[in-house]
Amino acid sequence: MDFEGVPGIGPVTVEKLRKVGITSLEELEEIGSMNAFLMVREMVDKGACLSFLYGLEGAVQKKRSKELSISTKEKLRRFVQSLNQEQ
């Protein structure tokens, strides 16, 4: 299944994912949102932000990012924060 109609995945996100070799929702699910985020950030968009990661995780969970649990959002926030501290 491609990304058409997947919550949180618009045309800009699809293009970024395709540039790192992720061409379907199944591939995103296998790789996981955090790994996909790392790939995009390292190879395509060094400025990829937390909202982008929320969108990826929402797609994996088949939810809109605003529907992600508080604990999931906190885990993702800490992940991005740790990456920002490494720079």
C-alpha atoms as a PDB file:
ATOM      1  CA  MET A   1       0.000   0.000   0.000  1.00  0.00           C
ATOM      2  CA  ASP A   2       1.380   3.378  -0.877  1.00  0.00           C
ATOM      3  CA  PHE A   3       0.801   6.431   1.293  1.00  0.00           C
ATOM      4  CA  GLU A   4      -2.362   7.764  -0.339  1.00  0.00           C
ATOM      5  CA  GLY A   5      -4.950   8.597   2.306  1.00  0.00           C
ATOM      6  CA  VAL A   6      -2.650   7.782   5.235  1.00  0.00           C
ATOM      7  CA  PRO A   7      -3.153  10.276   8.088  1.00  0.00           C
ATOM      8  CA  GLY A   8      -0.137  12.522   8.679  1.00  0.00           C
ATOM      9  CA  ILE A   9       1.530  11.681   5.380  1.00  0.00           C
ATOM     10  CA  GLY A  10       1.216  14.453   2.824  1.00  0.00           C
ATOM     11  CA  PRO A  11       3.050  14.912  -0.473  1.00  0.00           C
ATOM     12  CA  VAL A  12       6.127  16.551   1.090  1.00  0.00           C
ATOM     13  CA  THR A  13       6.521  13.709   3.578  1.00  0.00           C
ATOM     14  CA  VAL A  14       6.009  11.115   0.836  1.00  0.00           C
ATOM     15  CA  GLU A  15       8.768  12.722  -1.226  1.00  0.00           C
ATOM     16  CA  LYS A  16      11.181  12.758   1.731  1.00  0.00           C
ATOM     17  CA  LEU A  17      10.437   9.115   2.506  1.00  0.00           C
ATOM     18  CA  ARG A  18      10.885   8.092  -1.129  1.00  0.00           C
ATOM     19  CA  LYS A  19      14.268   9.824  -1.209  1.00  0.00           C
ATOM     20  CA  VAL A  20      15.448   7.475   1.554  1.00  0.00           C
ATOM     21  CA  GLY A  21      13.912   4.403  -0.082  1.00  0.00           C
ATOM     22  CA  ILE A  22      10.669   4.111   1.891  1.00  0.00           C
ATOM     23  CA  THR A  23       7.887   3.784  -0.670  1.00  0.00           C
ATOM     24  CA  SER A  24       5.008   2.210   1.224  1.00  0.00           C
ATOM     25  CA  LEU A  25       3.264   2.213   4.560  1.00  0.00           C
ATOM     26  CA  GLU A  26       4.386  -1.372   5.072  1.00  0.00           C
ATOM     27  CA  GLU A  27       8.025  -0.334   4.689  1.00  0.00           C
ATOM     28  CA  LEU A  28       7.512   2.533   7.133  1.00  0.00           C
ATOM     29  CA  GLU A  29       5.923   0.136   9.621  1.00  0.00           C
ATOM     30  CA  GLU A  30       8.839  -2.297   9.292  1.00  0.00           C
ATOM     31  CA  ILE A  31      11.477   0.409   9.669  1.00  0.00           C
ATOM     32  CA  GLY A  32       9.603   2.276  12.390  1.00  0.00           C
ATOM     33  CA  SER A  33       8.962   5.972  12.742  1.00  0.00           C
ATOM     34  CA  MET A  34      12.137   6.799  14.667  1.00  0.00           C
ATOM     35  CA  ASN A  35      14.435   4.982  12.246  1.00  0.00           C
ATOM     36  CA  ALA A  36      12.661   6.556   9.279  1.00  0.00           C
ATOM     37  CA  PHE A  37      13.024   9.959  10.954  1.00  0.00           C
ATOM     38  CA  LEU A  38      16.750   9.369  11.401  1.00  0.00           C
ATOM     39  CA  MET A  39      17.122   8.369   7.758  1.00  0.00           C
ATOM     40  CA  VAL A  40      15.302  11.486   6.542  1.00  0.00           C
ATOM     41  CA  ARG A  41      17.193  13.725   8.915  1.00  0.00           C
ATOM     42  CA  GLU A  42      20.585  12.317   7.909  1.00  0.00           C
ATOM     43  CA  MET A  43      20.027  12.110   4.150  1.00  0.00           C
ATOM     44  CA  VAL A  44      17.328  14.573   3.111  1.00  0.00           C
ATOM     45  CA  ASP A  45      16.262  17.142   5.692  1.00  0.00           C
ATOM     46  CA  LYS A  46      18.626  17.940   8.530  1.00  0.00           C
ATOM     47  CA  GLY A  47      15.937  20.255   9.912  1.00  0.00           C
ATOM     48  CA  ALA A  48      13.280  17.533  10.254  1.00  0.00           C
ATOM     49  CA  CYS A  49      11.384  18.361  13.418  1.00  0.00           C
ATOM     50  CA  LEU A  50       9.221  16.764  16.060  1.00  0.00           C
ATOM     51  CA  SER A  51       6.018  17.419  14.120  1.00  0.00           C
ATOM     52  CA  PHE A  52       7.430  15.418  11.216  1.00  0.00           C
ATOM     53  CA  LEU A  53       8.144  12.514  13.577  1.00  0.00           C
ATOM     54  CA  TYR A  54       4.638  12.765  15.052  1.00  0.00           C
ATOM     55  CA  GLY A  55       3.254  12.446  11.522  1.00  0.00           C
ATOM     56  CA  LEU A  56       5.344   9.342  10.856  1.00  0.00           C
ATOM     57  CA  GLU A  57       4.305   7.722  14.123  1.00  0.00           C
ATOM     58  CA  GLY A  58       0.685   8.617  13.477  1.00  0.00           C
ATOM     59  CA  ALA A  59       0.918   6.870  10.113  1.00  0.00           C
ATOM     60  CA  VAL A  60       2.384   3.762  11.733  1.00  0.00           C
ATOM     61  CA  GLN A  61      -0.407   3.744  14.319  1.00  0.00           C
ATOM     62  CA  LYS A  62      -3.003   4.688  11.686  1.00  0.00           C
ATOM     63  CA  LYS A  63      -3.978   7.805  13.625  1.00  0.00           C
ATOM     64  CA  ARG A  64      -3.662  11.523  13.191  1.00  0.00           C
ATOM     65  CA  SER A  65      -0.728  12.891  15.141  1.00  0.00           C
ATOM     66  CA  LYS A  66      -3.050  14.766  17.485  1.00  0.00           C
ATOM     67  CA  GLU A  67      -4.533  11.388  18.473  1.00  0.00           C
ATOM     68  CA  LEU A  68      -1.200   9.957  19.658  1.00  0.00           C
ATOM     69  CA  SER A  69      -1.076   9.214  23.365  1.00  0.00           C
ATOM     70  CA  ILE A  70       0.697  11.603  25.693  1.00  0.00           C
ATOM     71  CA  SER A  71       3.239   8.903  26.562  1.00  0.00           C
ATOM     72  CA  THR A  72       4.021   8.289  22.876  1.00  0.00           C
ATOM     73  CA  LYS A  73       4.445  12.003  22.233  1.00  0.00           C
ATOM     74  CA  GLU A  74       6.719  12.295  25.261  1.00  0.00           C
ATOM     75  CA  LYS A  75       8.861   9.365  24.082  1.00  0.00           C
ATOM     76  CA  LEU A  76       9.202  10.926  20.634  1.00  0.00           C
ATOM     77  CA  ARG A  77       9.939  14.354  22.111  1.00  0.00           C
ATOM     78  CA  ARG A  78      12.756  12.913  24.238  1.00  0.00           C
ATOM     79  CA  PHE A  79      14.135  11.116  21.188  1.00  0.00           C
ATOM     80  CA  VAL A  80      14.322  14.314  19.115  1.00  0.00           C
ATOM     81  CA  GLN A  81      15.688  16.233  22.088  1.00  0.00           C
ATOM     82  CA  SER A  82      18.501  13.689  22.459  1.00  0.00           C
ATOM     83  CA  LEU A  83      19.357  14.050  18.765  1.00  0.00           C
ATOM     84  CA  ASN A  84      19.442  17.829  19.073  1.00  0.00           C
ATOM     85  CA  GLN A  85      21.817  17.594  22.039  1.00  0.00           C
ATOM     86  CA  GLU A  86      24.206  15.398  20.031  1.00  0.00           C
ATOM     87  CA  GLN A  87      24.665  18.101  17.396  1.00  0.00           C
END
